[in-house]
N, C-alpha and C. Protein backbone atom coordinates (compact mmCIF):
# COMPACT_ATOMS: atom_id res chain seq x y z
N UNK A 1 15.41 28.52 -26.57
CA UNK A 1 15.27 27.54 -25.50
C UNK A 1 15.06 26.16 -26.12
N UNK A 2 15.75 25.16 -25.60
CA UNK A 2 15.62 23.82 -26.17
C UNK A 2 14.47 23.05 -25.52
N UNK A 3 14.17 21.88 -26.07
CA UNK A 3 13.05 21.06 -25.61
C UNK A 3 13.24 20.67 -24.15
N UNK A 4 14.47 20.30 -23.77
CA UNK A 4 14.73 19.87 -22.40
C UNK A 4 14.44 20.99 -21.40
N UNK A 5 14.90 22.19 -21.70
CA UNK A 5 14.65 23.33 -20.82
C UNK A 5 13.16 23.60 -20.71
N UNK A 6 12.45 23.53 -21.83
CA UNK A 6 11.00 23.72 -21.82
C UNK A 6 10.31 22.65 -20.96
N UNK A 7 10.78 21.41 -21.10
CA UNK A 7 10.19 20.33 -20.30
C UNK A 7 10.43 20.55 -18.82
N UNK A 8 11.63 20.96 -18.46
CA UNK A 8 11.95 21.20 -17.06
C UNK A 8 11.07 22.31 -16.49
N UNK A 9 10.83 23.34 -17.26
CA UNK A 9 9.95 24.43 -16.81
C UNK A 9 8.50 23.94 -16.73
N UNK A 10 8.08 23.15 -17.71
CA UNK A 10 6.73 22.61 -17.71
C UNK A 10 6.51 21.73 -16.48
N UNK A 11 7.50 20.97 -16.09
CA UNK A 11 7.40 20.10 -14.92
C UNK A 11 7.08 20.92 -13.67
N UNK A 12 7.66 22.10 -13.57
CA UNK A 12 7.44 22.96 -12.41
C UNK A 12 6.05 23.57 -12.39
N UNK A 13 5.42 23.73 -13.56
CA UNK A 13 4.12 24.39 -13.62
C UNK A 13 2.95 23.44 -13.82
N UNK A 14 3.16 22.34 -14.55
CA UNK A 14 2.07 21.40 -14.82
C UNK A 14 2.65 20.02 -15.06
N UNK A 15 2.77 19.26 -13.99
CA UNK A 15 3.43 17.96 -14.11
C UNK A 15 2.64 16.97 -14.97
N UNK A 16 1.32 17.15 -15.08
CA UNK A 16 0.55 16.25 -15.93
C UNK A 16 0.85 16.51 -17.41
N UNK A 17 0.91 17.77 -17.80
CA UNK A 17 1.29 18.08 -19.19
C UNK A 17 2.73 17.64 -19.46
N UNK A 18 3.59 17.80 -18.46
CA UNK A 18 4.97 17.31 -18.58
C UNK A 18 4.98 15.81 -18.84
N UNK A 19 4.15 15.08 -18.11
CA UNK A 19 4.07 13.63 -18.28
C UNK A 19 3.62 13.27 -19.70
N UNK A 20 2.59 13.94 -20.19
CA UNK A 20 2.11 13.67 -21.55
C UNK A 20 3.19 13.96 -22.58
N UNK A 21 3.91 15.07 -22.42
CA UNK A 21 4.98 15.43 -23.35
C UNK A 21 6.11 14.41 -23.29
N UNK A 22 6.44 13.95 -22.10
CA UNK A 22 7.50 12.96 -21.92
C UNK A 22 7.11 11.64 -22.58
N UNK A 23 5.90 11.21 -22.39
CA UNK A 23 5.42 9.98 -23.02
C UNK A 23 5.50 10.10 -24.53
N UNK A 24 5.11 11.25 -25.04
CA UNK A 24 5.16 11.48 -26.49
C UNK A 24 6.59 11.39 -27.01
N UNK A 25 7.52 12.00 -26.30
CA UNK A 25 8.93 11.94 -26.72
C UNK A 25 9.45 10.50 -26.68
N UNK A 26 9.09 9.75 -25.66
CA UNK A 26 9.54 8.36 -25.56
C UNK A 26 8.96 7.52 -26.69
N UNK A 27 7.68 7.72 -26.99
CA UNK A 27 7.05 6.97 -28.08
C UNK A 27 7.70 7.28 -29.43
N UNK A 28 8.16 8.50 -29.58
CA UNK A 28 8.82 8.90 -30.83
C UNK A 28 10.29 8.51 -30.87
N UNK A 29 10.80 7.98 -29.77
CA UNK A 29 12.20 7.58 -29.72
C UNK A 29 13.14 8.76 -29.59
N UNK A 30 12.67 9.90 -29.15
CA UNK A 30 13.49 11.11 -29.01
C UNK A 30 14.05 11.16 -27.58
N UNK A 31 14.82 10.14 -27.24
CA UNK A 31 15.30 9.95 -25.88
C UNK A 31 16.23 11.06 -25.41
N UNK A 32 16.98 11.65 -26.32
CA UNK A 32 17.92 12.71 -25.94
C UNK A 32 17.21 13.99 -25.51
N UNK A 33 15.91 14.10 -25.79
CA UNK A 33 15.15 15.30 -25.43
C UNK A 33 14.35 15.11 -24.13
N UNK A 34 14.40 13.91 -23.56
CA UNK A 34 13.64 13.62 -22.35
C UNK A 34 14.29 14.28 -21.14
N UNK A 35 13.45 14.81 -20.27
CA UNK A 35 13.88 15.41 -19.01
C UNK A 35 14.16 14.28 -18.03
N UNK A 36 15.36 13.71 -18.14
CA UNK A 36 15.72 12.50 -17.41
C UNK A 36 15.69 12.67 -15.89
N UNK A 37 16.15 13.79 -15.40
CA UNK A 37 16.19 14.01 -13.95
C UNK A 37 14.81 13.91 -13.32
N UNK A 38 13.86 14.63 -13.90
CA UNK A 38 12.50 14.59 -13.36
C UNK A 38 11.81 13.27 -13.64
N UNK A 39 12.13 12.63 -14.77
CA UNK A 39 11.56 11.31 -15.06
C UNK A 39 12.01 10.28 -14.02
N UNK A 40 13.28 10.30 -13.67
CA UNK A 40 13.80 9.39 -12.64
C UNK A 40 13.09 9.65 -11.31
N UNK A 41 12.95 10.91 -10.95
CA UNK A 41 12.27 11.27 -9.70
C UNK A 41 10.83 10.75 -9.70
N UNK A 42 10.13 10.93 -10.81
CA UNK A 42 8.75 10.46 -10.90
C UNK A 42 8.66 8.94 -10.80
N UNK A 43 9.58 8.24 -11.43
CA UNK A 43 9.57 6.78 -11.37
C UNK A 43 9.86 6.29 -9.95
N UNK A 44 10.78 6.96 -9.26
CA UNK A 44 11.07 6.59 -7.87
C UNK A 44 9.83 6.83 -7.00
N UNK A 45 9.17 7.97 -7.22
CA UNK A 45 7.94 8.27 -6.47
C UNK A 45 6.86 7.24 -6.74
N UNK A 46 6.75 6.82 -7.99
CA UNK A 46 5.75 5.82 -8.35
C UNK A 46 5.99 4.52 -7.60
N UNK A 47 7.24 4.09 -7.55
CA UNK A 47 7.58 2.88 -6.80
C UNK A 47 7.24 3.02 -5.32
N UNK A 48 7.54 4.17 -4.75
CA UNK A 48 7.23 4.42 -3.34
C UNK A 48 5.73 4.42 -3.10
N UNK A 49 4.98 5.02 -4.01
CA UNK A 49 3.52 5.07 -3.87
C UNK A 49 2.93 3.66 -3.89
N UNK A 50 3.43 2.81 -4.76
CA UNK A 50 2.91 1.44 -4.83
C UNK A 50 3.22 0.69 -3.55
N UNK A 51 4.43 0.86 -3.03
CA UNK A 51 4.80 0.20 -1.78
C UNK A 51 3.93 0.70 -0.63
N UNK A 52 3.73 2.01 -0.57
CA UNK A 52 2.90 2.58 0.49
C UNK A 52 1.46 2.07 0.40
N UNK A 53 0.95 1.93 -0.81
CA UNK A 53 -0.43 1.47 -1.00
C UNK A 53 -0.61 0.04 -0.50
N UNK A 54 0.31 -0.86 -0.86
CA UNK A 54 0.15 -2.25 -0.42
C UNK A 54 0.41 -2.39 1.07
N UNK A 55 1.34 -1.60 1.61
CA UNK A 55 1.57 -1.61 3.06
C UNK A 55 0.31 -1.17 3.80
N UNK A 56 -0.33 -0.13 3.32
CA UNK A 56 -1.53 0.40 3.95
C UNK A 56 -2.66 -0.63 3.93
N UNK A 57 -2.84 -1.29 2.80
CA UNK A 57 -3.88 -2.31 2.70
C UNK A 57 -3.59 -3.49 3.62
N UNK A 58 -2.34 -3.92 3.68
CA UNK A 58 -1.99 -5.02 4.57
C UNK A 58 -2.21 -4.62 6.03
N UNK A 59 -1.87 -3.40 6.36
CA UNK A 59 -2.08 -2.94 7.73
C UNK A 59 -3.57 -2.96 8.07
N UNK A 60 -4.41 -2.55 7.14
CA UNK A 60 -5.86 -2.57 7.38
C UNK A 60 -6.36 -4.01 7.60
N UNK A 61 -5.84 -4.94 6.81
CA UNK A 61 -6.22 -6.35 6.98
C UNK A 61 -5.84 -6.83 8.37
N UNK A 62 -4.62 -6.55 8.77
CA UNK A 62 -4.14 -6.99 10.08
C UNK A 62 -4.98 -6.37 11.20
N UNK A 63 -5.24 -5.08 11.11
CA UNK A 63 -6.05 -4.41 12.12
C UNK A 63 -7.39 -5.11 12.30
N UNK A 64 -8.06 -5.35 11.19
CA UNK A 64 -9.39 -5.92 11.27
C UNK A 64 -9.36 -7.39 11.72
N UNK A 65 -8.35 -8.13 11.30
CA UNK A 65 -8.22 -9.51 11.79
C UNK A 65 -7.99 -9.53 13.30
N UNK A 66 -7.14 -8.66 13.79
CA UNK A 66 -6.88 -8.60 15.23
C UNK A 66 -8.15 -8.25 16.00
N UNK A 67 -8.88 -7.26 15.51
CA UNK A 67 -10.12 -6.89 16.18
C UNK A 67 -11.12 -8.04 16.13
N UNK A 68 -11.24 -8.66 14.99
CA UNK A 68 -12.16 -9.79 14.81
C UNK A 68 -11.81 -10.95 15.75
N UNK A 69 -10.53 -11.25 15.87
CA UNK A 69 -10.11 -12.42 16.64
C UNK A 69 -10.01 -12.15 18.14
N UNK A 70 -9.60 -10.96 18.54
CA UNK A 70 -9.25 -10.74 19.94
C UNK A 70 -10.18 -9.80 20.72
N UNK A 71 -10.94 -8.96 20.04
CA UNK A 71 -11.79 -8.03 20.77
C UNK A 71 -13.15 -8.68 20.99
N UNK A 72 -13.18 -9.65 21.86
CA UNK A 72 -14.33 -10.55 22.02
C UNK A 72 -15.61 -9.82 22.47
N UNK A 73 -15.48 -8.76 23.25
CA UNK A 73 -16.70 -8.08 23.70
C UNK A 73 -17.38 -7.30 22.58
N UNK A 74 -16.68 -7.04 21.50
CA UNK A 74 -17.24 -6.30 20.38
C UNK A 74 -17.54 -7.18 19.16
N UNK A 75 -17.11 -8.44 19.20
CA UNK A 75 -17.18 -9.27 18.00
C UNK A 75 -18.62 -9.49 17.53
N UNK A 76 -19.55 -9.68 18.45
CA UNK A 76 -20.94 -9.92 18.04
C UNK A 76 -21.51 -8.72 17.29
N UNK A 77 -21.23 -7.53 17.78
CA UNK A 77 -21.78 -6.32 17.17
C UNK A 77 -21.04 -5.94 15.87
N UNK A 78 -19.74 -6.22 15.78
CA UNK A 78 -18.93 -5.73 14.66
C UNK A 78 -18.42 -6.80 13.70
N UNK A 79 -18.70 -8.05 13.97
CA UNK A 79 -18.15 -9.15 13.18
C UNK A 79 -18.42 -9.00 11.68
N UNK A 80 -19.63 -8.73 11.31
CA UNK A 80 -19.98 -8.59 9.89
C UNK A 80 -19.23 -7.46 9.23
N UNK A 81 -19.15 -6.34 9.91
CA UNK A 81 -18.42 -5.19 9.37
C UNK A 81 -16.95 -5.53 9.19
N UNK A 82 -16.34 -6.12 10.20
CA UNK A 82 -14.92 -6.46 10.12
C UNK A 82 -14.65 -7.46 9.01
N UNK A 83 -15.52 -8.47 8.87
CA UNK A 83 -15.34 -9.46 7.80
C UNK A 83 -15.44 -8.81 6.42
N UNK A 84 -16.39 -7.90 6.27
CA UNK A 84 -16.54 -7.20 4.98
C UNK A 84 -15.31 -6.34 4.67
N UNK A 85 -14.81 -5.67 5.69
CA UNK A 85 -13.61 -4.83 5.51
C UNK A 85 -12.40 -5.70 5.14
N UNK A 86 -12.24 -6.81 5.83
CA UNK A 86 -11.13 -7.72 5.55
C UNK A 86 -11.21 -8.19 4.10
N UNK A 87 -12.39 -8.59 3.68
CA UNK A 87 -12.59 -9.05 2.30
C UNK A 87 -12.23 -7.94 1.30
N UNK A 88 -12.74 -6.76 1.55
CA UNK A 88 -12.50 -5.64 0.63
C UNK A 88 -11.02 -5.28 0.54
N UNK A 89 -10.35 -5.19 1.68
CA UNK A 89 -8.92 -4.84 1.67
C UNK A 89 -8.09 -5.93 1.00
N UNK A 90 -8.44 -7.18 1.21
CA UNK A 90 -7.73 -8.28 0.55
C UNK A 90 -7.93 -8.23 -0.96
N UNK A 91 -9.16 -7.99 -1.36
CA UNK A 91 -9.46 -7.90 -2.79
C UNK A 91 -8.62 -6.80 -3.44
N UNK A 92 -8.57 -5.64 -2.81
CA UNK A 92 -7.78 -4.52 -3.34
C UNK A 92 -6.30 -4.85 -3.36
N UNK A 93 -5.81 -5.44 -2.27
CA UNK A 93 -4.39 -5.76 -2.17
C UNK A 93 -3.99 -6.79 -3.22
N UNK A 94 -4.77 -7.84 -3.34
CA UNK A 94 -4.44 -8.89 -4.32
C UNK A 94 -4.45 -8.35 -5.75
N UNK A 95 -5.29 -7.37 -6.03
CA UNK A 95 -5.33 -6.76 -7.37
C UNK A 95 -4.07 -5.96 -7.65
N UNK A 96 -3.45 -5.40 -6.63
CA UNK A 96 -2.26 -4.56 -6.80
C UNK A 96 -0.95 -5.35 -6.71
N UNK A 97 -1.01 -6.54 -6.15
CA UNK A 97 0.20 -7.27 -5.80
C UNK A 97 0.96 -7.80 -7.02
N UNK A 98 2.25 -7.52 -7.03
CA UNK A 98 3.18 -8.08 -8.01
C UNK A 98 4.20 -8.89 -7.21
N UNK A 99 5.06 -9.60 -7.90
CA UNK A 99 6.10 -10.36 -7.21
C UNK A 99 6.97 -9.44 -6.36
N UNK A 100 7.38 -8.31 -6.93
CA UNK A 100 8.24 -7.39 -6.18
C UNK A 100 7.53 -6.79 -4.97
N UNK A 101 6.26 -6.43 -5.15
CA UNK A 101 5.51 -5.86 -4.02
C UNK A 101 5.24 -6.92 -2.95
N UNK A 102 5.02 -8.16 -3.37
CA UNK A 102 4.85 -9.26 -2.40
C UNK A 102 6.14 -9.45 -1.60
N UNK A 103 7.28 -9.44 -2.28
CA UNK A 103 8.56 -9.55 -1.60
C UNK A 103 8.77 -8.40 -0.62
N UNK A 104 8.32 -7.22 -1.01
CA UNK A 104 8.41 -6.06 -0.13
C UNK A 104 7.58 -6.29 1.14
N UNK A 105 6.39 -6.85 0.98
CA UNK A 105 5.54 -7.11 2.15
C UNK A 105 6.16 -8.17 3.05
N UNK A 106 6.82 -9.16 2.46
CA UNK A 106 7.51 -10.18 3.27
C UNK A 106 8.56 -9.49 4.15
N UNK A 107 9.32 -8.58 3.56
CA UNK A 107 10.38 -7.88 4.29
C UNK A 107 9.81 -6.93 5.36
N UNK A 108 8.68 -6.32 5.07
CA UNK A 108 8.14 -5.28 5.95
C UNK A 108 7.02 -5.75 6.87
N UNK A 109 6.64 -7.02 6.79
CA UNK A 109 5.47 -7.50 7.53
C UNK A 109 5.57 -7.21 9.03
N UNK A 110 6.71 -7.41 9.62
CA UNK A 110 6.87 -7.16 11.05
C UNK A 110 6.64 -5.69 11.39
N UNK A 111 7.18 -4.79 10.60
CA UNK A 111 6.98 -3.34 10.83
C UNK A 111 5.52 -2.95 10.62
N UNK A 112 4.91 -3.52 9.60
CA UNK A 112 3.50 -3.23 9.31
C UNK A 112 2.65 -3.72 10.48
N UNK A 113 2.99 -4.91 10.98
CA UNK A 113 2.24 -5.46 12.12
C UNK A 113 2.34 -4.53 13.33
N UNK A 114 3.53 -4.04 13.61
CA UNK A 114 3.71 -3.17 14.78
C UNK A 114 2.87 -1.90 14.66
N UNK A 115 2.76 -1.35 13.46
CA UNK A 115 1.92 -0.16 13.26
C UNK A 115 0.44 -0.52 13.45
N UNK A 116 0.03 -1.68 12.92
CA UNK A 116 -1.36 -2.12 13.10
C UNK A 116 -1.65 -2.38 14.59
N UNK A 117 -0.69 -2.99 15.27
CA UNK A 117 -0.84 -3.28 16.69
C UNK A 117 -1.03 -2.00 17.50
N UNK A 118 -0.23 -1.01 17.21
CA UNK A 118 -0.36 0.27 17.91
C UNK A 118 -1.76 0.86 17.74
N UNK A 119 -2.30 0.73 16.54
CA UNK A 119 -3.64 1.25 16.27
C UNK A 119 -4.70 0.50 17.09
N UNK A 120 -4.69 -0.85 17.01
CA UNK A 120 -5.75 -1.61 17.69
C UNK A 120 -5.63 -1.52 19.21
N UNK A 121 -4.42 -1.37 19.71
CA UNK A 121 -4.25 -1.19 21.16
C UNK A 121 -4.95 0.10 21.60
N UNK A 122 -4.76 1.15 20.83
CA UNK A 122 -5.40 2.41 21.18
C UNK A 122 -6.91 2.36 20.96
N UNK A 123 -7.33 1.71 19.88
CA UNK A 123 -8.77 1.60 19.59
C UNK A 123 -9.50 0.86 20.71
N UNK A 124 -8.86 -0.13 21.29
CA UNK A 124 -9.46 -0.92 22.37
C UNK A 124 -9.08 -0.39 23.75
N UNK A 125 -8.47 0.78 23.77
CA UNK A 125 -8.06 1.42 25.02
C UNK A 125 -7.16 0.50 25.86
N UNK A 126 -6.30 -0.24 25.16
CA UNK A 126 -5.34 -1.14 25.80
C UNK A 126 -6.01 -2.18 26.70
N UNK A 127 -7.28 -2.51 26.41
CA UNK A 127 -8.03 -3.48 27.22
C UNK A 127 -7.92 -4.91 26.69
N UNK A 128 -7.31 -5.07 25.50
CA UNK A 128 -7.23 -6.38 24.86
C UNK A 128 -5.77 -6.83 24.80
N UNK A 129 -5.55 -8.09 25.06
CA UNK A 129 -4.19 -8.64 25.03
C UNK A 129 -3.89 -9.18 23.63
N UNK A 130 -3.34 -8.34 22.77
CA UNK A 130 -2.97 -8.74 21.42
C UNK A 130 -1.56 -9.33 21.42
N UNK A 131 -1.28 -10.25 20.49
CA UNK A 131 0.08 -10.81 20.40
C UNK A 131 1.10 -9.74 20.01
N UNK A 132 2.28 -9.84 20.57
CA UNK A 132 3.34 -8.88 20.24
C UNK A 132 3.89 -9.09 18.83
N UNK A 133 3.84 -10.34 18.35
CA UNK A 133 4.31 -10.66 17.00
C UNK A 133 3.10 -11.08 16.16
N UNK A 134 3.20 -10.87 14.88
CA UNK A 134 2.09 -11.17 13.98
C UNK A 134 1.73 -12.66 14.02
N UNK A 135 0.48 -12.98 14.36
CA UNK A 135 0.07 -14.38 14.43
C UNK A 135 -0.36 -14.97 13.08
N UNK A 136 -0.27 -14.17 12.02
CA UNK A 136 -0.74 -14.60 10.71
C UNK A 136 0.41 -14.68 9.72
N UNK A 137 0.39 -15.70 8.89
CA UNK A 137 1.36 -15.78 7.79
C UNK A 137 0.90 -14.84 6.68
N UNK A 138 1.79 -14.49 5.79
CA UNK A 138 1.40 -13.64 4.66
C UNK A 138 0.34 -14.35 3.82
N UNK A 139 0.45 -15.65 3.68
CA UNK A 139 -0.54 -16.40 2.91
C UNK A 139 -1.92 -16.27 3.53
N UNK A 140 -2.00 -16.36 4.86
CA UNK A 140 -3.28 -16.18 5.53
C UNK A 140 -3.81 -14.76 5.34
N UNK A 141 -2.92 -13.80 5.45
CA UNK A 141 -3.33 -12.40 5.31
C UNK A 141 -3.88 -12.11 3.91
N UNK A 142 -3.36 -12.79 2.91
CA UNK A 142 -3.78 -12.55 1.53
C UNK A 142 -4.95 -13.44 1.10
N UNK A 143 -5.19 -14.52 1.82
CA UNK A 143 -6.24 -15.48 1.47
C UNK A 143 -7.61 -14.84 1.66
N UNK A 144 -8.34 -14.67 0.57
CA UNK A 144 -9.61 -13.96 0.58
C UNK A 144 -10.62 -14.58 1.54
N UNK A 145 -10.50 -15.87 1.83
CA UNK A 145 -11.47 -16.55 2.67
C UNK A 145 -10.99 -16.85 4.09
N UNK A 146 -9.72 -16.59 4.40
CA UNK A 146 -9.20 -16.95 5.73
C UNK A 146 -9.76 -16.02 6.81
N UNK A 147 -10.26 -16.64 7.86
CA UNK A 147 -10.61 -15.95 9.09
C UNK A 147 -10.12 -16.82 10.25
N UNK A 148 -9.52 -16.21 11.26
CA UNK A 148 -9.05 -17.00 12.40
C UNK A 148 -10.23 -17.55 13.19
N UNK A 149 -9.99 -18.63 13.87
CA UNK A 149 -11.05 -19.28 14.68
C UNK A 149 -11.21 -18.56 15.99
């Protein structure tokens, strides 16, 4: 059995050991022995995971900003919590953000907003009149200190 076949079998049983073996082969320059099919799949998954992570964080920021700005009957009781959550999610998002991921958020902001809107509408039992389109620019959403008036 050759190295590639062994790697393919290892991938099916222990993907972490497969990853370590693949890294070792790459470091040694033994590119012809790399399990290219599974490596490509893993790299594609990694890209998707990063996009999903930043989308999720942006959605959390939007949710909390909407609640903070528009759910007036709850703002006194929850304002501090919402502000802390907004800060935390922004901090996490800004730490993960790259140029490509920022561009992805620009493209997906409207879809992310619609998902956040659906959540806050249900959380407030459809009692709050939220904007149909995102009232925040990406710069505002990422600005660690921005809060709507």
